[in-house]
Amino acid sequence: MAKLTEKEREKLPESAFAFPKERKEPLIDAHHVQEAIARSSLLLALLELLQAIQYSTHSLSGKVILSSYALAGRGDIDLEI
């Protein structure tokens, strides 16, 4: 892997980076490209996990709310809304 010095990194155009605004992940050789792909794949996996957790949480809270309405409809619970 080619190690970039700070000066070499500063000379690179924004288009040489996977994240140009932050100037992160320079894509200057195959190894750097592989590293960027690996990091983005990990990030995508984490985002998918977070979405699954969020969906599960919303789904569970929805079931709790529906159960509460069902109990209130039967007269078991006085639910004021």
PDB file of N, CA and C in Angstrom:
ATOM      1  N   MET A   1       0.855  -1.175   0.000  1.00  0.00           N
ATOM      2  CA  MET A   1       0.000   0.000   0.000  1.00  0.00           C
ATOM      3  C   MET A   1       0.899   1.235   0.000  1.00  0.00           C
ATOM      4  N   ALA A   2       0.521   2.185  -0.807  1.00  0.00           N
ATOM      5  CA  ALA A   2       1.259   3.448  -0.849  1.00  0.00           C
ATOM      6  C   ALA A   2       0.806   4.326   0.303  1.00  0.00           C
ATOM      7  N   LYS A   3       1.767   4.763   1.078  1.00  0.00           N
ATOM      8  CA  LYS A   3       1.465   5.645   2.202  1.00  0.00           C
ATOM      9  C   LYS A   3       1.578   7.078   1.718  1.00  0.00           C
ATOM     10  N   LEU A   4       0.533   7.858   1.912  1.00  0.00           N
ATOM     11  CA  LEU A   4       0.523   9.256   1.483  1.00  0.00           C
ATOM     12  C   LEU A   4       1.097  10.144   2.574  1.00  0.00           C
ATOM     13  N   THR A   5       1.938  11.066   2.151  1.00  0.00           N
ATOM     14  CA  THR A   5       2.367  12.092   3.095  1.00  0.00           C
ATOM     15  C   THR A   5       1.279  13.156   3.136  1.00  0.00           C
ATOM     16  N   GLU A   6       1.344  14.012   4.130  1.00  0.00           N
ATOM     17  CA  GLU A   6       0.359  15.090   4.253  1.00  0.00           C
ATOM     18  C   GLU A   6       0.381  15.990   3.022  1.00  0.00           C
ATOM     19  N   LYS A   7       1.574  16.280   2.511  1.00  0.00           N
ATOM     20  CA  LYS A   7       1.686  17.141   1.322  1.00  0.00           C
ATOM     21  C   LYS A   7       1.084  16.472   0.101  1.00  0.00           C
ATOM     22  N   GLU A   8       1.340  15.175  -0.068  1.00  0.00           N
ATOM     23  CA  GLU A   8       0.776  14.454  -1.212  1.00  0.00           C
ATOM     24  C   GLU A   8      -0.749  14.431  -1.129  1.00  0.00           C
ATOM     25  N   ARG A   9      -1.242  14.240   0.064  1.00  0.00           N
ATOM     26  CA  ARG A   9      -2.701  14.202   0.273  1.00  0.00           C
ATOM     27  C   ARG A   9      -3.334  15.550  -0.060  1.00  0.00           C
ATOM     28  N   GLU A  10      -2.690  16.633   0.363  1.00  0.00           N
ATOM     29  CA  GLU A  10      -3.210  17.975   0.091  1.00  0.00           C
ATOM     30  C   GLU A  10      -3.236  18.290  -1.398  1.00  0.00           C
ATOM     31  N   LYS A  11      -2.330  17.694  -2.159  1.00  0.00           N
ATOM     32  CA  LYS A  11      -2.247  17.960  -3.601  1.00  0.00           C
ATOM     33  C   LYS A  11      -3.322  17.225  -4.400  1.00  0.00           C
ATOM     34  N   LEU A  12      -3.900  16.197  -3.805  1.00  0.00           N
ATOM     35  CA  LEU A  12      -4.914  15.426  -4.529  1.00  0.00           C
ATOM     36  C   LEU A  12      -6.177  16.252  -4.749  1.00  0.00           C
ATOM     37  N   PRO A  13      -6.806  16.114  -5.932  1.00  0.00           N
ATOM     38  CA  PRO A  13      -8.077  16.814  -6.162  1.00  0.00           C
ATOM     39  C   PRO A  13      -9.198  16.136  -5.365  1.00  0.00           C
ATOM     40  N   GLU A  14     -10.281  16.837  -5.151  1.00  0.00           N
ATOM     41  CA  GLU A  14     -11.414  16.268  -4.415  1.00  0.00           C
ATOM     42  C   GLU A  14     -11.932  14.995  -5.063  1.00  0.00           C
ATOM     43  N   SER A  15     -11.838  14.914  -6.382  1.00  0.00           N
ATOM     44  CA  SER A  15     -12.332  13.745  -7.103  1.00  0.00           C
ATOM     45  C   SER A  15     -11.538  12.482  -6.788  1.00  0.00           C
ATOM     46  N   ALA A  16     -10.404  12.607  -6.128  1.00  0.00           N
ATOM     47  CA  ALA A  16      -9.582  11.445  -5.775  1.00  0.00           C
ATOM     48  C   ALA A  16     -10.019  10.798  -4.466  1.00  0.00           C
ATOM     49  N   PHE A  17     -11.056  11.339  -3.832  1.00  0.00           N
ATOM     50  CA  PHE A  17     -11.498  10.837  -2.539  1.00  0.00           C
ATOM     51  C   PHE A  17     -12.887  10.221  -2.626  1.00  0.00           C
ATOM     52  N   ALA A  18     -13.114   9.194  -1.822  1.00  0.00           N
ATOM     53  CA  ALA A  18     -14.444   8.584  -1.746  1.00  0.00           C
ATOM     54  C   ALA A  18     -15.435   9.550  -1.113  1.00  0.00           C
ATOM     55  N   PHE A  19     -14.946  10.339  -0.147  1.00  0.00           N
ATOM     56  CA  PHE A  19     -15.752  11.370   0.507  1.00  0.00           C
ATOM     57  C   PHE A  19     -15.058  12.704   0.276  1.00  0.00           C
ATOM     58  N   PRO A  20     -15.332  13.338  -0.865  1.00  0.00           N
ATOM     59  CA  PRO A  20     -14.573  14.522  -1.263  1.00  0.00           C
ATOM     60  C   PRO A  20     -14.700  15.723  -0.326  1.00  0.00           C
ATOM     61  N   LYS A  21     -15.870  15.970   0.223  1.00  0.00           N
ATOM     62  CA  LYS A  21     -16.025  17.147   1.092  1.00  0.00           C
ATOM     63  C   LYS A  21     -15.188  17.015   2.359  1.00  0.00           C
ATOM     64  N   GLU A  22     -15.120  15.794   2.887  1.00  0.00           N
ATOM     65  CA  GLU A  22     -14.327  15.557   4.094  1.00  0.00           C
ATOM     66  C   GLU A  22     -12.877  15.203   3.757  1.00  0.00           C
ATOM     67  N   ARG A  23     -12.617  14.977   2.453  1.00  0.00           N
ATOM     68  CA  ARG A  23     -11.301  14.539   1.968  1.00  0.00           C
ATOM     69  C   ARG A  23     -10.865  13.265   2.692  1.00  0.00           C
ATOM     70  N   LYS A  24     -11.806  12.309   2.758  1.00  0.00           N
ATOM     71  CA  LYS A  24     -11.538  11.024   3.397  1.00  0.00           C
ATOM     72  C   LYS A  24     -11.487   9.926   2.348  1.00  0.00           C
ATOM     73  N   GLU A  25     -10.760   8.885   2.659  1.00  0.00           N
ATOM     74  CA  GLU A  25     -10.622   7.703   1.811  1.00  0.00           C
ATOM     75  C   GLU A  25     -10.094   8.044   0.412  1.00  0.00           C
ATOM     76  N   PRO A  26      -8.824   8.380   0.300  1.00  0.00           N
ATOM     77  CA  PRO A  26      -8.251   8.628  -1.025  1.00  0.00           C
ATOM     78  C   PRO A  26      -8.250   7.344  -1.850  1.00  0.00           C
ATOM     79  N   LEU A  27      -8.677   7.443  -3.080  1.00  0.00           N
ATOM     80  CA  LEU A  27      -8.770   6.281  -3.966  1.00  0.00           C
ATOM     81  C   LEU A  27      -7.620   6.321  -4.974  1.00  0.00           C
ATOM     82  N   ILE A  28      -6.412   6.147  -4.456  1.00  0.00           N
ATOM     83  CA  ILE A  28      -5.236   6.321  -5.310  1.00  0.00           C
ATOM     84  C   ILE A  28      -4.669   5.016  -5.828  1.00  0.00           C
ATOM     85  N   ASP A  29      -5.020   3.888  -5.236  1.00  0.00           N
ATOM     86  CA  ASP A  29      -4.557   2.594  -5.718  1.00  0.00           C
ATOM     87  C   ASP A  29      -5.573   1.526  -5.298  1.00  0.00           C
ATOM     88  N   ALA A  30      -5.335   0.300  -5.740  1.00  0.00           N
ATOM     89  CA  ALA A  30      -6.292  -0.783  -5.489  1.00  0.00           C
ATOM     90  C   ALA A  30      -6.513  -1.019  -3.997  1.00  0.00           C
ATOM     91  N   HIS A  31      -5.456  -0.954  -3.224  1.00  0.00           N
ATOM     92  CA  HIS A  31      -5.608  -1.197  -1.781  1.00  0.00           C
ATOM     93  C   HIS A  31      -6.493  -0.143  -1.126  1.00  0.00           C
ATOM     94  N   HIS A  32      -6.293   1.108  -1.480  1.00  0.00           N
ATOM     95  CA  HIS A  32      -7.125   2.174  -0.914  1.00  0.00           C
ATOM     96  C   HIS A  32      -8.589   2.007  -1.331  1.00  0.00           C
ATOM     97  N   VAL A  33      -8.812   1.590  -2.563  1.00  0.00           N
ATOM     98  CA  VAL A  33     -10.178   1.359  -3.041  1.00  0.00           C
ATOM     99  C   VAL A  33     -10.813   0.217  -2.246  1.00  0.00           C
ATOM    100  N   GLN A  34     -10.062  -0.867  -2.029  1.00  0.00           N
ATOM    101  CA  GLN A  34     -10.578  -2.005  -1.256  1.00  0.00           C
ATOM    102  C   GLN A  34     -10.914  -1.581   0.176  1.00  0.00           C
ATOM    103  N   GLU A  35     -10.066  -0.765   0.771  1.00  0.00           N
ATOM    104  CA  GLU A  35     -10.325  -0.277   2.129  1.00  0.00           C
ATOM    105  C   GLU A  35     -11.597   0.572   2.173  1.00  0.00           C
ATOM    106  N   ALA A  36     -11.779   1.428   1.190  1.00  0.00           N
ATOM    107  CA  ALA A  36     -12.978   2.275   1.144  1.00  0.00           C
ATOM    108  C   ALA A  36     -14.236   1.423   0.989  1.00  0.00           C
ATOM    109  N   ILE A  37     -14.161   0.409   0.142  1.00  0.00           N
ATOM    110  CA  ILE A  37     -15.308  -0.483  -0.060  1.00  0.00           C
ATOM    111  C   ILE A  37     -15.625  -1.233   1.228  1.00  0.00           C
ATOM    112  N   ALA A  38     -14.588  -1.730   1.897  1.00  0.00           N
ATOM    113  CA  ALA A  38     -14.798  -2.470   3.147  1.00  0.00           C
ATOM    114  C   ALA A  38     -15.445  -1.580   4.201  1.00  0.00           C
ATOM    115  N   ARG A  39     -14.981  -0.359   4.310  1.00  0.00           N
ATOM    116  CA  ARG A  39     -15.554   0.551   5.307  1.00  0.00           C
ATOM    117  C   ARG A  39     -16.989   0.912   4.959  1.00  0.00           C
ATOM    118  N   SER A  40     -17.259   1.148   3.679  1.00  0.00           N
ATOM    119  CA  SER A  40     -18.622   1.502   3.299  1.00  0.00           C
ATOM    120  C   SER A  40     -19.555   0.305   3.469  1.00  0.00           C
ATOM    121  N   SER A  41     -19.054  -0.903   3.212  1.00  0.00           N
ATOM    122  CA  SER A  41     -19.873  -2.103   3.420  1.00  0.00           C
ATOM    123  C   SER A  41     -20.215  -2.276   4.887  1.00  0.00           C
ATOM    124  N   LEU A  42     -19.245  -2.022   5.753  1.00  0.00           N
ATOM    125  CA  LEU A  42     -19.485  -2.105   7.192  1.00  0.00           C
ATOM    126  C   LEU A  42     -20.502  -1.056   7.616  1.00  0.00           C
ATOM    127  N   LEU A  43     -20.368   0.137   7.085  1.00  0.00           N
ATOM    128  CA  LEU A  43     -21.310   1.207   7.410  1.00  0.00           C
ATOM    129  C   LEU A  43     -22.721   0.851   6.961  1.00  0.00           C
ATOM    130  N   LEU A  44     -22.838   0.300   5.761  1.00  0.00           N
ATOM    131  CA  LEU A  44     -24.163  -0.097   5.265  1.00  0.00           C
ATOM    132  C   LEU A  44     -24.769  -1.191   6.143  1.00  0.00           C
ATOM    133  N   ALA A  45     -23.946  -2.148   6.573  1.00  0.00           N
ATOM    134  CA  ALA A  45     -24.447  -3.211   7.440  1.00  0.00           C
ATOM    135  C   ALA A  45     -24.941  -2.633   8.767  1.00  0.00           C
ATOM    136  N   LEU A  46     -24.203  -1.680   9.318  1.00  0.00           N
ATOM    137  CA  LEU A  46     -24.627  -1.047  10.568  1.00  0.00           C
ATOM    138  C   LEU A  46     -25.922  -0.261  10.386  1.00  0.00           C
ATOM    139  N   LEU A  47     -26.046   0.441   9.263  1.00  0.00           N
ATOM    140  CA  LEU A  47     -27.274   1.192   9.000  1.00  0.00           C
ATOM    141  C   LEU A  47     -28.473   0.263   8.862  1.00  0.00           C
ATOM    142  N   GLU A  48     -28.269  -0.873   8.185  1.00  0.00           N
ATOM    143  CA  GLU A  48     -29.355  -1.844   8.047  1.00  0.00           C
ATOM    144  C   GLU A  48     -29.766  -2.398   9.404  1.00  0.00           C
ATOM    145  N   LEU A  49     -28.781  -2.646  10.268  1.00  0.00           N
ATOM    146  CA  LEU A  49     -29.077  -3.128  11.610  1.00  0.00           C
ATOM    147  C   LEU A  49     -29.868  -2.088  12.402  1.00  0.00           C
ATOM    148  N   LEU A  50     -29.457  -0.838  12.311  1.00  0.00           N
ATOM    149  CA  LEU A  50     -30.180   0.232  13.009  1.00  0.00           C
ATOM    150  C   LEU A  50     -31.605   0.361  12.504  1.00  0.00           C
ATOM    151  N   GLN A  51     -31.795   0.233  11.186  1.00  0.00           N
ATOM    152  CA  GLN A  51     -33.145   0.308  10.629  1.00  0.00           C
ATOM    153  C   GLN A  51     -33.998  -0.852  11.132  1.00  0.00           C
ATOM    154  N   ALA A  52     -33.409  -2.040  11.234  1.00  0.00           N
ATOM    155  CA  ALA A  52     -34.146  -3.201  11.721  1.00  0.00           C
ATOM    156  C   ALA A  52     -34.549  -2.999  13.182  1.00  0.00           C
ATOM    157  N   ILE A  53     -33.638  -2.448  13.973  1.00  0.00           N
ATOM    158  CA  ILE A  53     -33.954  -2.173  15.376  1.00  0.00           C
ATOM    159  C   ILE A  53     -35.059  -1.133  15.471  1.00  0.00           C
ATOM    160  N   GLN A  54     -34.949  -0.089  14.656  1.00  0.00           N
ATOM    161  CA  GLN A  54     -35.965   0.957  14.676  1.00  0.00           C
ATOM    162  C   GLN A  54     -37.323   0.386  14.271  1.00  0.00           C
ATOM    163  N   TYR A  55     -37.350  -0.445  13.231  1.00  0.00           N
ATOM    164  CA  TYR A  55     -38.607  -1.050  12.783  1.00  0.00           C
ATOM    165  C   TYR A  55     -39.198  -1.922  13.890  1.00  0.00           C
ATOM    166  N   SER A  56     -38.338  -2.725  14.539  1.00  0.00           N
ATOM    167  CA  SER A  56     -38.814  -3.597  15.613  1.00  0.00           C
ATOM    168  C   SER A  56     -39.396  -2.790  16.759  1.00  0.00           C
ATOM    169  N   THR A  57     -38.737  -1.697  17.097  1.00  0.00           N
ATOM    170  CA  THR A  57     -39.212  -0.842  18.185  1.00  0.00           C
ATOM    171  C   THR A  57     -40.561  -0.240  17.840  1.00  0.00           C
ATOM    172  N   HIS A  58     -40.700   0.264  16.621  1.00  0.00           N
ATOM    173  CA  HIS A  58     -41.983   0.849  16.199  1.00  0.00           C
ATOM    174  C   HIS A  58     -43.061  -0.220  16.146  1.00  0.00           C
ATOM    175  N   SER A  59     -42.695  -1.384  15.662  1.00  0.00           N
ATOM    176  CA  SER A  59     -43.660  -2.470  15.560  1.00  0.00           C
ATOM    177  C   SER A  59     -44.144  -2.890  16.940  1.00  0.00           C
ATOM    178  N   LEU A  60     -43.214  -3.019  17.881  1.00  0.00           N
ATOM    179  CA  LEU A  60     -43.580  -3.402  19.239  1.00  0.00           C
ATOM    180  C   LEU A  60     -44.441  -2.334  19.909  1.00  0.00           C
ATOM    181  N   SER A  61     -44.053  -1.067  19.755  1.00  0.00           N
ATOM    182  CA  SER A  61     -44.849   0.000  20.385  1.00  0.00           C
ATOM    183  C   SER A  61     -46.241   0.060  19.759  1.00  0.00           C
ATOM    184  N   GLY A  62     -46.331  -0.200  18.467  1.00  0.00           N
ATOM    185  CA  GLY A  62     -47.647  -0.234  17.819  1.00  0.00           C
ATOM    186  C   GLY A  62     -48.521  -1.348  18.369  1.00  0.00           C
ATOM    187  N   LYS A  63     -47.916  -2.502  18.624  1.00  0.00           N
ATOM    188  CA  LYS A  63     -48.672  -3.621  19.189  1.00  0.00           C
ATOM    189  C   LYS A  63     -49.146  -3.301  20.600  1.00  0.00           C
ATOM    190  N   VAL A  64     -48.306  -2.639  21.368  1.00  0.00           N
ATOM    191  CA  VAL A  64     -48.685  -2.262  22.730  1.00  0.00           C
ATOM    192  C   VAL A  64     -49.864  -1.292  22.694  1.00  0.00           C
ATOM    193  N   ILE A  65     -49.798  -0.323  21.796  1.00  0.00           N
ATOM    194  CA  ILE A  65     -50.885   0.657  21.667  1.00  0.00           C
ATOM    195  C   ILE A  65     -52.173  -0.037  21.235  1.00  0.00           C
ATOM    196  N   LEU A  66     -52.080  -0.912  20.242  1.00  0.00           N
ATOM    197  CA  LEU A  66     -53.278  -1.622  19.771  1.00  0.00           C
ATOM    198  C   LEU A  66     -53.849  -2.515  20.870  1.00  0.00           C
ATOM    199  N   SER A  67     -52.978  -3.164  21.637  1.00  0.00           N
ATOM    200  CA  SER A  67     -53.452  -3.994  22.749  1.00  0.00           C
ATOM    201  C   SER A  67     -54.171  -3.141  23.781  1.00  0.00           C
ATOM    202  N   SER A  68     -53.646  -1.961  24.041  1.00  0.00           N
ATOM    203  CA  SER A  68     -54.274  -1.057  25.002  1.00  0.00           C
ATOM    204  C   SER A  68     -55.659  -0.645  24.530  1.00  0.00           C
ATOM    205  N   TYR A  69     -55.768  -0.320  23.238  1.00  0.00           N
ATOM    206  CA  TYR A  69     -57.080   0.038  22.700  1.00  0.00           C
ATOM    207  C   TYR A  69     -58.045  -1.142  22.789  1.00  0.00           C
ATOM    208  N   ALA A  70     -57.539  -2.339  22.517  1.00  0.00           N
ATOM    209  CA  ALA A  70     -58.402  -3.523  22.573  1.00  0.00           C
ATOM    210  C   ALA A  70     -58.893  -3.757  23.989  1.00  0.00           C
ATOM    211  N   LEU A  71     -57.999  -3.620  24.957  1.00  0.00           N
ATOM    212  CA  LEU A  71     -58.404  -3.792  26.351  1.00  0.00           C
ATOM    213  C   LEU A  71     -59.402  -2.712  26.763  1.00  0.00           C
ATOM    214  N   ALA A  72     -59.185  -1.498  26.319  1.00  0.00           N
ATOM    215  CA  ALA A  72     -60.094  -0.405  26.662  1.00  0.00           C
ATOM    216  C   ALA A  72     -61.466  -0.632  26.047  1.00  0.00           C
ATOM    217  N   GLY A  73     -61.489  -1.188  24.846  1.00  0.00           N
ATOM    218  CA  GLY A  73     -62.763  -1.457  24.173  1.00  0.00           C
ATOM    219  C   GLY A  73     -63.581  -2.516  24.878  1.00  0.00           C
ATOM    220  N   ARG A  74     -62.898  -3.413  25.557  1.00  0.00           N
ATOM    221  CA  ARG A  74     -63.618  -4.460  26.285  1.00  0.00           C
ATOM    222  C   ARG A  74     -64.054  -3.988  27.669  1.00  0.00           C
ATOM    223  N   GLY A  75     -63.623  -2.789  28.030  1.00  0.00           N
ATOM    224  CA  GLY A  75     -64.007  -2.276  29.327  1.00  0.00           C
ATOM    225  C   GLY A  75     -63.046  -2.656  30.448  1.00  0.00           C
ATOM    226  N   ASP A  76     -61.984  -3.386  30.096  1.00  0.00           N
ATOM    227  CA  ASP A  76     -61.024  -3.802  31.114  1.00  0.00           C
ATOM    228  C   ASP A  76     -60.188  -2.613  31.611  1.00  0.00           C
ATOM    229  N   ILE A  77     -59.986  -1.636  30.740  1.00  0.00           N
ATOM    230  CA  ILE A  77     -59.155  -0.471  31.083  1.00  0.00           C
ATOM    231  C   ILE A  77     -59.890   0.770  30.631  1.00  0.00           C
ATOM    232  N   ASP A  78     -59.900   1.790  31.486  1.00  0.00           N
ATOM    233  CA  ASP A  78     -60.482   3.070  31.122  1.00  0.00           C
ATOM    234  C   ASP A  78     -59.373   3.927  30.505  1.00  0.00           C
ATOM    235  N   LEU A  79     -59.365   4.027  29.191  1.00  0.00           N
ATOM    236  CA  LEU A  79     -58.288   4.749  28.474  1.00  0.00           C
ATOM    237  C   LEU A  79     -58.834   6.069  27.972  1.00  0.00           C
ATOM    238  N   GLU A  80     -58.352   7.159  28.520  1.00  0.00           N
ATOM    239  CA  GLU A  80     -58.776   8.471  28.064  1.00  0.00           C
ATOM    240  C   GLU A  80     -57.758   9.012  27.072  1.00  0.00           C
ATOM    241  N   ILE A  81     -58.261   9.475  25.944  1.00  0.00           N
ATOM    242  CA  ILE A  81     -57.370  10.004  24.901  1.00  0.00           C
ATOM    243  C   ILE A  81     -57.728  11.443  24.643  1.00  0.00           C
TER     244      ILE A  81
END
